Amino acid sequence: MVLPSAILLLKGDDRTFAVRSIALVGVIGHLRCLER
């Protein structure tokens, strides 16, 4: 979680960071729903 975020911050690509963050949250939420 920390490493990819740091890399994206170094790149300075806010759009990519936002998109990946939203996608990551969506995937985690989906996996949690499947586990239950």
C-alpha atoms as a PDB file:
ATOM      1  CA  MET A   1       0.000   0.000   0.000  1.00  0.00           C
ATOM      2  CA  VAL A   2       2.713   2.469   1.048  1.00  0.00           C
ATOM      3  CA  LEU A   3       5.272   1.653  -1.655  1.00  0.00           C
ATOM      4  CA  PRO A   4       2.970   2.100  -4.695  1.00  0.00           C
ATOM      5  CA  SER A   5       1.603   5.311  -3.173  1.00  0.00           C
ATOM      6  CA  ALA A   6       5.123   6.667  -2.655  1.00  0.00           C
ATOM      7  CA  ILE A   7       6.076   5.793  -6.241  1.00  0.00           C
ATOM      8  CA  LEU A   8       2.977   7.535  -7.606  1.00  0.00           C
ATOM      9  CA  LEU A   9       3.666  10.604  -5.459  1.00  0.00           C
ATOM     10  CA  LEU A  10       7.215  10.713  -6.830  1.00  0.00           C
ATOM     11  CA  LYS A  11       5.812  10.583 -10.358  1.00  0.00           C
ATOM     12  CA  GLY A  12       3.426  13.397  -9.493  1.00  0.00           C
ATOM     13  CA  ASP A  13       0.571  11.757 -11.394  1.00  0.00           C
ATOM     14  CA  ASP A  14      -2.485  12.678  -9.319  1.00  0.00           C
ATOM     15  CA  ARG A  15      -4.932  11.210 -11.824  1.00  0.00           C
ATOM     16  CA  THR A  16      -3.242   7.817 -11.839  1.00  0.00           C
ATOM     17  CA  PHE A  17      -3.089   7.873  -8.036  1.00  0.00           C
ATOM     18  CA  ALA A  18      -6.796   8.672  -7.764  1.00  0.00           C
ATOM     19  CA  VAL A  19      -7.822   6.033 -10.316  1.00  0.00           C
ATOM     20  CA  ARG A  20      -5.683   3.315  -8.717  1.00  0.00           C
ATOM     21  CA  SER A  21      -6.894   4.249  -5.248  1.00  0.00           C
ATOM     22  CA  ILE A  22     -10.549   4.024  -6.286  1.00  0.00           C
ATOM     23  CA  ALA A  23      -9.928   0.757  -8.140  1.00  0.00           C
ATOM     24  CA  LEU A  24      -8.051  -0.680  -5.151  1.00  0.00           C
ATOM     25  CA  VAL A  25     -10.846   0.248  -2.741  1.00  0.00           C
ATOM     26  CA  GLY A  26     -13.412  -1.248  -5.109  1.00  0.00           C
ATOM     27  CA  VAL A  27     -11.478  -4.515  -5.446  1.00  0.00           C
ATOM     28  CA  ILE A  28     -10.957  -4.824  -1.678  1.00  0.00           C
ATOM     29  CA  GLY A  29     -14.642  -4.142  -1.056  1.00  0.00           C
ATOM     30  CA  HIS A  30     -15.618  -6.745  -3.651  1.00  0.00           C
ATOM     31  CA  LEU A  31     -13.285  -9.350  -2.135  1.00  0.00           C
ATOM     32  CA  ARG A  32     -14.670  -8.697   1.344  1.00  0.00           C
ATOM     33  CA  CYS A  33     -18.205  -9.224   0.040  1.00  0.00           C
ATOM     34  CA  LEU A  34     -17.152 -12.523  -1.549  1.00  0.00           C
ATOM     35  CA  GLU A  35     -15.546 -13.704   1.698  1.00  0.00           C
ATOM     36  CA  ARG A  36     -18.833 -13.166   3.515  1.00  0.00           C
END
